[in-house]
Protein backbone atom coordinates (compact mmCIF):
# COMPACT_ATOMS: atom_id res chain seq x y z
CA MET A 1 25.54 -20.72 -8.04
CA LYS A 2 27.83 -18.45 -10.20
CA THR A 3 24.78 -16.25 -10.91
CA LEU A 4 24.03 -15.91 -7.15
CA VAL A 5 27.57 -14.95 -6.32
CA PHE A 6 27.75 -12.52 -9.14
CA ALA A 7 24.46 -10.84 -7.97
CA ILE A 8 25.66 -10.57 -4.50
CA MET A 9 29.04 -9.21 -5.51
CA LEU A 10 27.33 -6.61 -7.83
CA ALA A 11 25.09 -5.58 -4.96
CA LEU A 12 27.89 -5.29 -2.38
CA SER A 13 30.24 -3.45 -4.87
CA MET A 14 27.69 -0.70 -5.59
CA PRO A 15 28.88 2.70 -4.22
CA VAL A 16 26.90 3.27 -0.98
CA PHE A 17 25.83 6.73 0.29
CA SER A 18 24.73 7.00 3.86
CA GLN A 19 21.06 6.97 4.41
CA THR A 20 21.51 8.57 7.77
CA SER A 21 22.09 11.86 5.97
CA TYR A 22 19.82 10.95 3.07
CA THR A 23 19.14 13.63 0.69
CA PRO A 24 16.47 12.55 -2.02
CA THR A 25 17.32 13.11 -5.70
CA LYS A 26 15.28 15.37 -8.04
CA GLU A 27 13.78 12.09 -9.60
CA ASN A 28 12.83 10.90 -6.14
CA LEU A 29 11.12 14.15 -5.19
CA GLU A 30 9.21 14.00 -8.48
CA THR A 31 7.92 10.51 -7.71
CA ARG A 32 6.98 11.70 -4.21
CA LYS A 33 4.94 14.50 -5.70
CA TRP A 34 3.18 12.10 -8.16
CA PHE A 35 2.59 9.58 -5.34
CA GLU A 36 0.99 12.28 -3.07
CA GLU A 37 -1.29 13.31 -5.86
CA ALA A 38 -2.33 9.72 -6.90
CA ARG A 39 -4.44 9.15 -3.68
CA PHE A 40 -5.57 5.56 -4.76
CA GLY A 41 -3.80 2.32 -5.30
CA MET A 42 -4.34 -1.44 -5.51
CA PHE A 43 -2.65 -3.82 -3.10
CA ILE A 44 -2.37 -7.45 -4.38
CA HIS A 45 -1.53 -10.35 -1.94
CA PHE A 46 -0.90 -13.42 -4.18
CA GLY A 47 1.06 -16.59 -3.69
CA PRO A 48 0.75 -20.34 -3.07
CA TYR A 49 -1.00 -19.65 0.15
CA ALA A 50 -4.10 -18.95 -2.00
CA VAL A 51 -4.49 -22.67 -2.61
CA LEU A 52 -5.19 -23.23 0.97
CA GLY A 53 -7.84 -20.42 0.95
CA ASN A 54 -7.12 -19.28 4.47
CA GLY A 55 -5.16 -16.12 4.02
CA GLU A 56 -1.45 -15.27 3.60
CA TRP A 57 -0.68 -16.16 7.17
CA VAL A 58 -1.83 -19.75 6.93
CA MET A 59 1.74 -21.33 7.17
CA ASN A 60 2.44 -19.61 10.51
CA ASN A 61 -1.16 -19.88 11.88
CA ARG A 62 -1.41 -23.59 11.20
CA ASN A 63 2.21 -24.27 12.04
CA ILE A 64 2.80 -25.83 8.73
CA LYS A 65 6.37 -27.30 8.20
CA VAL A 66 8.46 -25.93 5.46
CA ASN A 67 8.72 -29.19 3.70
CA ASP A 68 4.96 -29.68 3.74
CA TYR A 69 4.16 -26.10 2.87
CA GLN A 70 6.44 -26.20 -0.09
CA ARG A 71 4.56 -29.10 -1.70
CA LEU A 72 2.14 -26.34 -2.87
CA ILE A 73 4.66 -25.73 -5.62
CA LYS A 74 3.31 -28.88 -7.38
CA PHE A 75 -0.21 -27.56 -7.75
CA PHE A 76 -0.12 -23.76 -7.42
CA ASN A 77 -1.23 -23.10 -10.95
CA PRO A 78 -2.73 -19.66 -11.63
CA LYS A 79 -3.56 -20.56 -15.26
CA ASP A 80 -6.24 -17.89 -15.47
CA PHE A 81 -3.95 -15.06 -14.50
CA ASP A 82 -4.37 -12.21 -16.84
CA ALA A 83 -2.16 -9.19 -16.19
CA ALA A 84 -4.06 -7.02 -18.57
CA GLN A 85 -7.36 -7.73 -16.76
CA TRP A 86 -5.74 -7.15 -13.26
CA VAL A 87 -4.42 -3.75 -14.36
CA ALA A 88 -7.70 -2.83 -16.19
CA VAL A 89 -9.63 -3.53 -12.96
CA ALA A 90 -7.28 -1.28 -11.05
CA LYS A 91 -7.40 1.48 -13.67
CA SER A 92 -11.15 1.48 -14.04
CA ALA A 93 -11.60 1.85 -10.24
CA GLY A 94 -9.51 5.12 -10.46
CA MET A 95 -6.43 3.59 -9.00
CA LYS A 96 -3.09 5.03 -10.13
CA TYR A 97 -0.66 2.36 -9.02
CA ILE A 98 -0.30 -1.33 -7.99
CA THR A 99 1.66 -2.89 -5.15
CA LEU A 100 2.29 -6.49 -5.73
CA THR A 101 3.59 -9.08 -3.18
CA SER A 102 6.80 -9.95 -4.92
CA ARG A 103 7.87 -12.18 -1.94
CA HIS A 104 5.78 -12.60 1.22
CA HIS A 105 6.58 -14.05 4.62
CA ASP A 106 6.44 -17.62 3.19
CA SER A 107 9.57 -16.77 1.11
CA PHE A 108 7.87 -17.69 -2.21
CA SER A 109 8.95 -15.43 -5.08
CA ASN A 110 6.45 -14.34 -7.82
CA TRP A 111 9.27 -13.82 -10.34
CA ASP A 112 11.96 -15.92 -11.98
CA THR A 113 14.52 -15.19 -9.20
CA LYS A 114 17.94 -16.83 -9.69
CA GLN A 115 18.37 -16.87 -5.81
CA SER A 116 15.95 -19.62 -5.03
CA ASP A 117 13.93 -22.52 -6.65
CA TRP A 118 10.93 -21.70 -4.47
CA LYS A 119 9.38 -19.55 -7.17
CA ILE A 120 6.54 -19.07 -9.54
CA THR A 121 8.50 -20.47 -12.56
CA LYS A 122 9.06 -23.76 -10.84
CA THR A 123 5.14 -24.26 -10.51
CA PRO A 124 3.06 -26.00 -13.15
CA TYR A 125 2.23 -22.51 -14.35
CA GLY A 126 5.78 -21.81 -15.03
CA LYS A 127 5.72 -18.04 -15.97
CA ASP A 128 6.98 -14.97 -14.45
CA ILE A 129 3.96 -13.03 -13.03
CA VAL A 130 6.09 -10.05 -12.07
CA LYS A 131 7.28 -9.68 -15.62
CA GLN A 132 3.78 -9.83 -17.06
CA LEU A 133 2.48 -7.35 -14.64
CA ALA A 134 5.33 -4.92 -15.11
CA ALA A 135 4.92 -4.98 -18.92
CA GLU A 136 1.15 -4.35 -18.67
CA CYS A 137 1.44 -1.62 -16.00
CA GLN A 138 3.76 0.30 -18.48
CA LYS A 139 1.30 -0.29 -21.32
CA GLN A 140 -1.71 0.94 -19.35
CA GLY A 141 0.08 3.86 -17.59
CA ILE A 142 0.02 2.48 -14.03
CA LYS A 143 2.96 2.61 -11.66
CA LEU A 144 4.16 -0.68 -10.27
CA PHE A 145 5.42 -1.01 -6.65
CA PHE A 146 6.88 -4.23 -5.03
CA TYR A 147 5.98 -5.43 -1.61
CA TYR A 148 8.97 -7.29 -0.20
CA SER A 149 9.10 -9.32 2.99
CA THR A 150 12.09 -8.84 5.30
CA LEU A 151 10.60 -11.75 7.43
CA ASP A 152 10.98 -15.34 6.28
CA TRP A 153 9.26 -18.39 7.55
CA ALA A 154 11.26 -20.87 5.43
CA ARG A 155 14.94 -19.97 5.24
CA ASP A 156 17.29 -21.13 7.89
CA ASP A 157 19.54 -18.05 7.55
CA TYR A 158 16.68 -15.79 8.69
CA ARG A 159 16.99 -15.22 12.47
CA TRP A 160 13.83 -17.28 13.13
CA LYS A 161 15.06 -18.08 16.63
CA THR A 162 14.60 -14.41 17.82
CA GLY A 163 11.48 -13.94 15.62
CA ARG A 164 7.99 -13.68 17.11
CA THR A 165 6.54 -15.71 14.21
CA GLY A 166 7.46 -18.76 12.17
CA GLN A 167 8.69 -20.67 15.25
CA GLU A 168 6.89 -23.93 14.40
CA THR A 169 7.69 -24.38 10.74
CA GLY A 170 10.27 -27.15 11.34
CA ARG A 171 13.57 -25.42 11.09
CA THR A 172 16.24 -27.08 13.16
CA LYS A 173 19.49 -25.02 12.50
CA GLN A 174 20.32 -21.38 12.44
CA GLY A 175 22.10 -20.15 9.35
CA ASP A 176 24.22 -17.14 8.68
CA TRP A 177 22.40 -13.80 8.99
CA ASN A 178 24.80 -12.07 6.56
CA ASN A 179 23.86 -14.54 4.00
CA TYR A 180 20.16 -13.64 4.41
CA ILE A 181 21.07 -9.85 3.91
CA ALA A 182 23.01 -10.83 0.83
CA PHE A 183 20.11 -12.88 -0.45
CA MET A 184 17.60 -10.00 0.08
CA LYS A 185 20.06 -7.64 -1.74
CA ALA A 186 20.57 -10.03 -4.61
CA GLN A 187 16.73 -10.36 -5.06
CA LEU A 188 16.03 -6.55 -4.79
CA THR A 189 18.83 -6.07 -7.43
CA GLU A 190 16.91 -8.41 -9.81
CA LEU A 191 13.60 -6.62 -9.33
CA LEU A 192 15.28 -3.13 -9.71
CA THR A 193 17.29 -4.14 -12.88
CA GLY A 194 15.08 -6.58 -14.68
CA TYR A 195 11.47 -5.19 -14.66
CA GLY A 196 11.66 -1.71 -15.83
CA PRO A 197 10.94 1.40 -13.66
CA VAL A 198 9.74 0.65 -10.22
CA GLY A 199 7.59 3.05 -8.33
CA GLY A 200 8.63 1.98 -4.95
CA ILE A 201 9.67 -0.92 -2.55
CA TRP A 202 7.21 -1.64 0.31
CA PHE A 203 8.99 -3.58 3.14
CA ASP A 204 7.11 -5.66 5.71
CA GLY A 205 8.33 -7.90 8.66
CA HIS A 206 10.58 -5.56 10.72
CA TRP A 207 8.22 -5.97 13.71
CA ASP A 208 8.88 -9.63 13.85
CA GLN A 209 12.26 -8.92 15.53
CA THR A 210 10.72 -6.61 18.16
CA ALA A 211 9.39 -7.47 21.65
CA HIS A 212 5.84 -6.60 20.41
CA GLU A 213 4.26 -5.34 17.24
CA ASN A 214 3.81 -1.72 18.04
CA ARG A 215 6.87 -0.55 19.75
CA THR A 216 7.67 3.02 20.71
CA ASP A 217 11.40 2.80 19.92
CA GLN A 218 13.49 1.28 17.07
CA THR A 219 15.09 -1.57 19.17
CA THR A 220 15.18 -4.86 17.36
CA THR A 221 17.10 -8.19 17.92
CA VAL A 222 18.84 -7.88 14.60
CA ASP A 223 20.72 -5.55 12.42
CA TRP A 224 18.56 -5.20 9.33
CA HIS A 225 21.36 -3.39 7.34
CA TYR A 226 18.73 -0.78 6.18
CA ASP A 227 21.54 1.76 5.47
CA GLU A 228 22.95 -0.70 2.97
CA ILE A 229 19.61 -1.84 1.62
CA TYR A 230 18.18 1.51 1.18
CA SER A 231 21.33 2.89 -0.47
CA LEU A 232 21.33 -0.01 -3.03
CA ILE A 233 17.68 0.77 -3.95
CA HIS A 234 18.20 4.49 -4.38
CA LYS A 235 21.30 3.82 -6.31
CA LEU A 236 19.87 1.31 -8.68
CA GLN A 237 16.72 3.56 -9.27
CA PRO A 238 16.96 7.05 -7.77
CA ALA A 239 13.25 7.75 -8.54
CA CYS A 240 12.18 4.55 -6.66
CA LEU A 241 10.39 5.24 -3.32
CA ILE A 242 10.96 3.34 -0.12
CA ALA A 243 8.54 2.66 2.64
CA ASN A 244 8.58 0.22 5.47
CA ASN A 245 5.59 -1.16 7.48
CA HIS A 246 7.60 -1.22 10.80
CA HIS A 247 4.73 0.66 12.67
CA LEU A 248 7.21 3.16 13.70
CA PRO A 249 8.02 6.84 12.72
CA PRO A 250 10.02 6.88 9.35
CA PHE A 251 13.63 5.80 9.40
CA PRO A 252 16.31 7.79 7.47
CA GLY A 253 16.13 6.79 3.74
CA GLU A 254 12.34 6.17 3.70
CA ASP A 255 10.32 8.27 1.21
CA PHE A 256 6.71 7.68 2.38
CA GLN A 257 5.07 6.53 5.59
CA ILE A 258 2.72 3.51 5.86
CA PHE A 259 -0.35 3.09 8.25
CA GLU A 260 -1.89 -0.42 8.45
CA ARG A 261 -5.68 -0.68 8.71
CA ASP A 262 -5.90 2.77 10.03
CA LEU A 263 -6.00 6.19 8.92
CA PRO A 264 -2.98 8.40 10.31
CA GLY A 265 -3.41 9.20 13.95
CA GLU A 266 -6.52 7.09 14.56
CA ASN A 267 -4.93 3.78 15.48
CA LYS A 268 -8.39 2.08 15.80
CA ALA A 269 -6.80 -1.40 14.88
CA GLY A 270 -3.86 -0.91 17.29
CA LEU A 271 -1.24 -1.41 14.60
CA SER A 272 -0.46 2.29 13.66
CA GLY A 273 0.15 4.27 16.75
CA GLN A 274 3.25 5.90 15.38
CA ALA A 275 3.68 9.63 15.07
CA VAL A 276 2.52 11.05 11.69
CA SER A 277 5.28 12.51 9.52
CA GLU A 278 4.80 16.05 8.55
CA LYS A 279 7.38 15.85 5.78
CA LEU A 280 6.77 12.58 3.85
CA PRO A 281 3.69 11.48 1.81
CA LEU A 282 1.34 9.11 3.68
CA GLU A 283 -0.39 5.90 2.66
CA THR A 284 -2.88 3.73 4.59
CA CYS A 285 -3.64 0.10 3.52
CA GLU A 286 -6.82 -1.79 3.98
CA THR A 287 -8.67 -4.81 3.00
CA MET A 288 -12.05 -5.19 0.96
CA ASN A 289 -13.23 -7.92 3.37
CA GLY A 290 -11.14 -9.10 6.41
CA SER A 291 -8.27 -10.77 4.66
CA TRP A 292 -5.17 -9.79 2.73
CA GLY A 293 -4.63 -13.18 0.89
CA TYR A 294 -7.50 -15.25 -0.54
CA SER A 295 -9.77 -16.62 2.13
CA ILE A 296 -12.58 -18.90 0.95
CA THR A 297 -14.75 -18.38 3.99
CA ASP A 298 -14.28 -14.56 4.46
CA ASN A 299 -17.51 -13.12 3.02
CA LYS A 300 -17.57 -10.02 5.38
CA TYR A 301 -17.27 -7.56 2.33
CA LYS A 302 -17.16 -3.83 2.98
CA THR A 303 -20.11 -2.06 1.37
CA ASN A 304 -19.56 0.44 -1.45
CA LYS A 305 -20.44 3.19 1.11
CA GLU A 306 -17.74 2.04 3.53
CA LEU A 307 -15.13 1.81 0.73
CA ILE A 308 -15.96 5.34 -0.56
CA ASP A 309 -15.94 6.72 2.95
CA TYR A 310 -12.44 5.24 3.60
CA LEU A 311 -11.10 6.61 0.37
CA VAL A 312 -12.50 10.11 0.99
CA ARG A 313 -11.50 10.19 4.57
CA ALA A 314 -7.90 9.15 3.65
CA ALA A 315 -7.74 12.00 1.16
CA GLY A 316 -9.09 14.34 3.99
CA TYR A 317 -5.93 13.39 5.87
CA GLY A 318 -3.84 14.00 2.79
CA THR A 319 -3.25 10.26 2.64
CA ASN A 320 -3.25 7.59 -0.10
CA LEU A 321 -5.55 4.52 0.12
CA LEU A 322 -3.99 1.30 -0.85
CA LEU A 323 -6.90 -1.14 -1.13
CA ASN A 324 -6.27 -4.78 -1.27
CA VAL A 325 -7.34 -7.80 -3.40
CA GLY A 326 -6.36 -11.31 -2.83
CA PRO A 327 -6.75 -13.15 -5.96
CA MET A 328 -8.08 -16.76 -6.13
CA PRO A 329 -5.48 -19.61 -6.67
CA ASN A 330 -6.45 -19.79 -10.34
CA GLY A 331 -5.16 -16.18 -10.79
CA GLU A 332 -8.58 -14.41 -11.09
CA ILE A 333 -9.61 -11.60 -8.78
CA GLN A 334 -12.94 -12.82 -7.24
CA PRO A 335 -16.04 -11.19 -8.58
CA GLU A 336 -17.03 -9.59 -5.30
CA PHE A 337 -13.86 -7.48 -5.50
CA VAL A 338 -14.21 -6.71 -9.17
CA ASN A 339 -17.91 -5.59 -8.73
CA SER A 340 -16.89 -3.31 -5.66
CA LEU A 341 -14.06 -1.68 -7.62
CA ALA A 342 -16.36 -1.00 -10.59
CA GLU A 343 -18.73 0.78 -8.30
CA MET A 344 -15.86 2.79 -6.82
CA GLY A 345 -14.80 3.53 -10.48
CA LYS A 346 -18.18 5.20 -11.10
CA TRP A 347 -17.55 7.54 -8.09
CA THR A 348 -14.06 8.40 -9.03
CA SER A 349 -14.87 8.98 -12.70
CA LYS A 350 -17.31 11.68 -11.55
CA TYR A 351 -15.79 13.04 -8.31
CA GLY A 352 -12.29 11.90 -8.41
CA TYR A 353 -10.97 15.33 -9.11
CA THR A 354 -11.97 16.33 -5.53
CA ILE A 355 -9.25 14.00 -4.20
CA TYR A 356 -6.61 13.55 -6.96
CA GLY A 357 -3.95 16.12 -6.40
CA ALA A 358 -5.82 17.64 -3.52
CA SER A 359 -4.42 18.19 -0.02
CA GLY A 360 -6.05 17.40 3.18
CA GLY A 361 -8.41 19.96 4.64
CA PHE A 362 -7.84 22.71 7.17
CA ILE A 363 -9.31 20.44 9.84
CA LYS A 364 -8.93 16.74 10.19
CA PRO A 365 -11.79 14.42 9.20
CA GLN A 366 -14.83 14.57 11.44
CA SER A 367 -17.76 12.31 12.10
CA TRP A 368 -19.79 14.13 9.39
CA GLY A 369 -17.08 13.77 6.76
CA CYS A 370 -13.95 15.72 5.79
CA ILE A 371 -12.54 18.50 3.53
CA THR A 372 -10.04 18.32 0.69
CA GLN A 373 -8.40 21.41 -0.98
CA LYS A 374 -7.08 22.27 -4.42
CA ASP A 375 -5.89 25.68 -5.30
CA ASN A 376 -8.71 28.05 -4.33
CA LYS A 377 -11.33 25.22 -4.23
CA TYR A 378 -12.36 23.51 -0.95
CA TYR A 379 -14.48 20.29 -1.23
CA ILE A 380 -16.55 19.57 1.80
CA HIS A 381 -17.44 15.86 1.74
CA LEU A 382 -20.60 15.21 3.73
CA LEU A 383 -20.41 11.49 4.29
CA LYS A 384 -22.99 11.43 7.09
CA ASN A 385 -26.07 13.76 7.33
CA GLU A 386 -25.94 14.74 10.98
CA SER A 387 -27.49 18.21 11.00
CA GLN A 388 -29.36 20.80 8.88
CA THR A 389 -26.37 23.15 9.18
CA LEU A 390 -22.58 22.91 9.21
CA THR A 391 -20.40 25.61 10.66
CA LEU A 392 -16.67 25.84 9.90
CA ASP A 393 -13.99 28.31 10.83
CA PHE A 394 -12.66 28.79 7.35
CA PRO A 395 -9.07 30.14 6.89
CA VAL A 396 -10.15 32.54 4.09
CA ALA A 397 -13.19 34.55 2.96
CA ILE A 398 -15.31 32.63 0.58
CA LYS A 399 -16.89 33.55 -2.77
CA SER A 400 -19.40 30.86 -3.56
CA ALA A 401 -20.57 27.31 -2.43
CA THR A 402 -22.13 24.80 -4.79
CA TRP A 403 -23.64 21.31 -4.56
CA ILE A 404 -21.45 19.37 -7.02
CA ASP A 405 -24.00 16.73 -7.58
CA ASN A 406 -26.72 18.91 -9.03
CA ASN A 407 -24.82 22.19 -9.65
CA THR A 408 -27.18 24.11 -7.35
CA LYS A 409 -26.18 26.95 -5.03
CA VAL A 410 -25.72 26.32 -1.37
CA ASN A 411 -27.05 28.87 1.10
CA TRP A 412 -24.32 30.13 3.47
CA LYS A 413 -23.33 33.04 5.64
CA GLN A 414 -19.91 34.05 6.82
CA ASP A 415 -19.17 36.39 9.84
CA ALA A 416 -16.29 38.94 10.09
CA ASN A 417 -14.06 36.21 11.57
CA ASN A 418 -14.54 33.82 8.49
CA LYS A 419 -16.81 31.51 10.43
CA VAL A 420 -19.13 30.06 7.67
CA THR A 421 -22.48 28.45 8.29
CA PHE A 422 -23.81 26.21 5.43
CA ILE A 423 -27.52 25.44 5.12
CA LEU A 424 -27.84 21.79 4.23
CA ASP A 425 -31.34 21.68 2.87
CA GLY A 426 -32.65 19.63 -0.14
CA PRO A 427 -31.73 16.00 -1.12
CA MET A 428 -28.13 14.91 -0.51
CA ASN A 429 -26.12 12.22 -2.19
CA VAL A 430 -26.09 9.35 0.08
CA LEU A 431 -22.63 8.24 -0.84
CA ASP A 432 -20.85 11.67 -0.53
CA ALA A 433 -22.68 14.90 -0.79
CA ILE A 434 -19.94 17.40 -1.82
CA ILE A 435 -20.01 21.12 -1.54
CA GLU A 436 -17.49 23.00 -3.76
CA VAL A 437 -16.45 26.15 -2.05
CA THR A 438 -14.55 28.82 -4.09
CA ALA A 439 -12.39 31.17 -1.99
CA LYS A 440 -11.91 34.89 -2.79
CA ILE A 441 -8.61 35.48 -4.43
């Protein structure tokens, strides 16, 4: 109890600078630049819900009472968890960072938090997963981000009565909201002071306190105290980025913008209809099958072609792809994901330079593919062979065009207005036929 009080007092006593007039530090801007060039990361949803094999929303979807759900602590035992293997899988796929669910909506903490006994170190496994993963990420040169849920289906002091989810988990009293805010601050302080440099904090759950999930305004039924929370994070680690999956335009104090299951501006899944920031780095998150957390019956795996398409199209928008894995309850990443990521690694090892550090093209992605750009090089990614020719209004005069896959010249012609027509003859790479265009300097 003394440790909890001390942590809360420490968090509340930190000098606070207003995020409403937020000016990022030099270190923060450097992380943003790195993040914008990284293009590819691994999302990891892992917790006791994996034992039930029905995704990370199983507690809410099946209306499991808190007391019943928390029995999982007795047999959640990821004894085969291997931090080095997790990081190696990500790295070999060409991923540059990992975002781990430190605490999801079920309130379970994957580290040895002092703020709750509902945590990984109270399971039969008994070890701090966050600590192991943080050490291994530093060793292998991968940045570690923490997903952190602002929504909670277990605690009484979360405003569950006004929330849209978690209404049937058996809570009968409403606790003090300020205590919940203090709890979150204390946990975030632990993560930001005990696990080395943190790439960013990825918040989720704001939408629970709105009238519906994809609002066009910022109205919520609670005060989330973002000004205090964001200030705390930026004070503890100035280089740490902040993003919030609230499905709205960025709030003051946020350092990159998230799109869920959608590329910016497309909103095909209906979750990311918000305006696209022109100032902040962008990231879209997506699953490899249909589930975030482990689902034993979900075998709708995306093909290698679909995954490469998504990664490349994201880059064509100037956006990172955060691709999810949901490890099995024993701590292993299921082989279907490992195999798919290995195939993606073959592509990134050969063609990754066309997306890493590259900006989005001068036109948004099209049905045929997209364009990325780096210095005086333009990379035309032909993801679908729709025609024998491709005509583009180039912003510059071009010097040459080459098929990357076989290093042969592409026939092209350019008129006085820089409209270029490429002749798409010969065999094309079925995954991604790439034309490297060099502009005249």
